[in-house]
C-alpha atoms as a PDB file:
ATOM      1  CA  MET A   1     -35.669 -53.413 -85.466  1.00  0.00           C
ATOM      2  CA  LEU A   2     -34.846 -51.905 -88.837  1.00  0.00           C
ATOM      3  CA  PHE A   3     -31.711 -49.831 -89.482  1.00  0.00           C
ATOM      4  CA  VAL A   4     -30.288 -47.852 -92.403  1.00  0.00           C
ATOM      5  CA  THR A   5     -26.547 -47.253 -92.657  1.00  0.00           C
ATOM      6  CA  VAL A   6     -25.012 -44.984 -95.269  1.00  0.00           C
ATOM      7  CA  ILE A   7     -21.290 -45.184 -95.926  1.00  0.00           C
ATOM      8  CA  SER A   8     -18.977 -42.540 -97.390  1.00  0.00           C
ATOM      9  CA  ILE A   9     -15.888 -44.318 -98.689  1.00  0.00           C
ATOM     10  CA  PRO A  10     -12.587 -42.509 -99.359  1.00  0.00           C
ATOM     11  CA  SER A  11     -11.316 -43.235-102.874  1.00  0.00           C
ATOM     12  CA  GLU A  12      -8.200 -44.949-101.515  1.00  0.00           C
ATOM     13  CA  LYS A  13     -10.417 -47.517 -99.767  1.00  0.00           C
ATOM     14  CA  ALA A  14     -12.682 -48.274-102.747  1.00  0.00           C
ATOM     15  CA  LYS A  15     -11.132 -51.674-103.540  1.00  0.00           C
ATOM     16  CA  GLU A  16     -11.135 -52.636 -99.861  1.00  0.00           C
ATOM     17  CA  ALA A  17     -14.814 -51.672 -99.656  1.00  0.00           C
ATOM     18  CA  VAL A  18     -15.715 -53.862-102.629  1.00  0.00           C
ATOM     19  CA  GLU A  19     -13.844 -56.801-101.081  1.00  0.00           C
ATOM     20  CA  LEU A  20     -15.592 -56.280 -97.735  1.00  0.00           C
ATOM     21  CA  ALA A  21     -18.970 -56.186 -99.469  1.00  0.00           C
ATOM     22  CA  ARG A  22     -18.272 -59.422-101.348  1.00  0.00           C
ATOM     23  CA  LYS A  23     -17.042 -61.270 -98.258  1.00  0.00           C
ATOM     24  CA  LEU A  24     -19.440 -59.745 -95.747  1.00  0.00           C
ATOM     25  CA  LYS A  25     -21.182 -62.372 -93.667  1.00  0.00           C
ATOM     26  CA  PRO A  26     -23.589 -60.673 -91.301  1.00  0.00           C
ATOM     27  CA  PRO A  27     -23.395 -61.952 -87.732  1.00  0.00           C
ATOM     28  CA  ILE A  28     -26.161 -64.081 -86.266  1.00  0.00           C
ATOM     29  CA  GLY A  29     -29.210 -61.942 -85.703  1.00  0.00           C
ATOM     30  CA  ILE A  30     -28.520 -59.558 -88.596  1.00  0.00           C
ATOM     31  CA  ASN A  31     -30.648 -59.808 -91.722  1.00  0.00           C
ATOM     32  CA  VAL A  32     -29.424 -57.597 -94.576  1.00  0.00           C
ATOM     33  CA  ARG A  33     -32.483 -56.632 -96.597  1.00  0.00           C
ATOM     34  CA  GLU A  34     -30.595 -54.615 -99.197  1.00  0.00           C
ATOM     35  CA  ALA A  35     -27.077 -53.339 -99.869  1.00  0.00           C
ATOM     36  CA  VAL A  36     -26.537 -50.954-102.767  1.00  0.00           C
ATOM     37  CA  VAL A  37     -23.847 -48.745-104.259  1.00  0.00           C
ATOM     38  CA  LEU A  38     -24.901 -45.140-104.833  1.00  0.00           C
ATOM     39  CA  PHE A  39     -23.721 -42.610-107.397  1.00  0.00           C
ATOM     40  CA  GLY A  40     -22.365 -39.676-105.409  1.00  0.00           C
ATOM     41  CA  LYS A  41     -22.005 -39.251-101.676  1.00  0.00           C
ATOM     42  CA  PRO A  42     -22.742 -41.246 -99.650  1.00  0.00           C
ATOM     43  CA  ASP A  43     -21.291 -44.157-101.610  1.00  0.00           C
ATOM     44  CA  ALA A  44     -23.306 -47.077-100.268  1.00  0.00           C
ATOM     45  CA  LEU A  45     -26.442 -47.881 -98.301  1.00  0.00           C
ATOM     46  CA  VAL A  46     -27.230 -50.958 -96.217  1.00  0.00           C
ATOM     47  CA  LEU A  47     -30.757 -51.659 -94.976  1.00  0.00           C
ATOM     48  CA  PHE A  48     -30.738 -54.328 -92.285  1.00  0.00           C
ATOM     49  CA  GLU A  49     -32.668 -55.818 -89.390  1.00  0.00           C
ATOM     50  CA  ALA A  50     -31.206 -56.460 -85.950  1.00  0.00           C
ATOM     51  CA  PRO A  51     -32.830 -57.634 -82.724  1.00  0.00           C
ATOM     52  CA  ASP A  52     -31.438 -54.670 -80.754  1.00  0.00           C
ATOM     53  CA  GLU A  53     -29.136 -51.636 -80.905  1.00  0.00           C
ATOM     54  CA  LYS A  54     -26.142 -53.504 -79.472  1.00  0.00           C
ATOM     55  CA  THR A  55     -26.231 -56.136 -82.217  1.00  0.00           C
ATOM     56  CA  ALA A  56     -26.708 -53.421 -84.849  1.00  0.00           C
ATOM     57  CA  MET A  57     -23.708 -51.507 -83.520  1.00  0.00           C
ATOM     58  CA  GLY A  58     -21.435 -54.526 -83.866  1.00  0.00           C
ATOM     59  CA  PHE A  59     -22.435 -54.862 -87.509  1.00  0.00           C
ATOM     60  CA  VAL A  60     -21.996 -51.143 -88.194  1.00  0.00           C
ATOM     61  CA  LEU A  61     -18.504 -51.295 -86.695  1.00  0.00           C
ATOM     62  CA  GLU A  62     -17.602 -53.884 -89.342  1.00  0.00           C
ATOM     63  CA  LEU A  63     -18.912 -51.578 -92.062  1.00  0.00           C
ATOM     64  CA  SER A  64     -16.985 -48.623 -90.655  1.00  0.00           C
ATOM     65  CA  GLN A  65     -13.671 -50.324 -91.510  1.00  0.00           C
ATOM     66  CA  VAL A  66     -13.899 -48.843 -94.999  1.00  0.00           C
ATOM     67  CA  GLY A  67     -15.446 -45.440 -94.452  1.00  0.00           C
ATOM     68  CA  GLU A  68     -17.513 -43.051 -92.436  1.00  0.00           C
ATOM     69  CA  THR A  69     -20.875 -44.495 -91.462  1.00  0.00           C
ATOM     70  CA  ARG A  70     -24.122 -42.917 -90.350  1.00  0.00           C
ATOM     71  CA  THR A  71     -26.860 -45.167 -89.025  1.00  0.00           C
ATOM     72  CA  SER A  72     -30.497 -44.439 -88.289  1.00  0.00           C
ATOM     73  CA  MET A  73     -33.279 -46.592 -86.942  1.00  0.00           C
ATOM     74  CA  ALA A  74     -36.036 -46.923 -89.550  1.00  0.00           C
ATOM     75  CA  VAL A  75     -39.762 -47.414 -89.087  1.00  0.00           C
ATOM     76  CA  PRO A  76     -41.811 -48.869 -91.950  1.00  0.00           C
ATOM     77  CA  ILE A  77     -44.627 -46.506 -92.972  1.00  0.00           C
ATOM     78  CA  ALA A  78     -47.145 -49.329 -92.503  1.00  0.00           C
ATOM     79  CA  GLU A  79     -46.320 -49.357 -88.784  1.00  0.00           C
ATOM     80  CA  LEU A  80     -47.179 -45.678 -88.244  1.00  0.00           C
END
């Protein structure tokens, strides 16, 4: 399953967010396809694969340590 998480990071947590991103080791079962910083809000985007919603939620909870997260399940266009 493919997921997209966007993160809005308060300015006072910017350094903490950078440290988390550098040290982030996804749990077993999570494959991060892409993680990028955005100009404007939201501040970051993480595109990742997880075997199920429960595993995805555990990973998103780690990301939510530094800001407000919103996660959606994604479906590749080729699969439609």
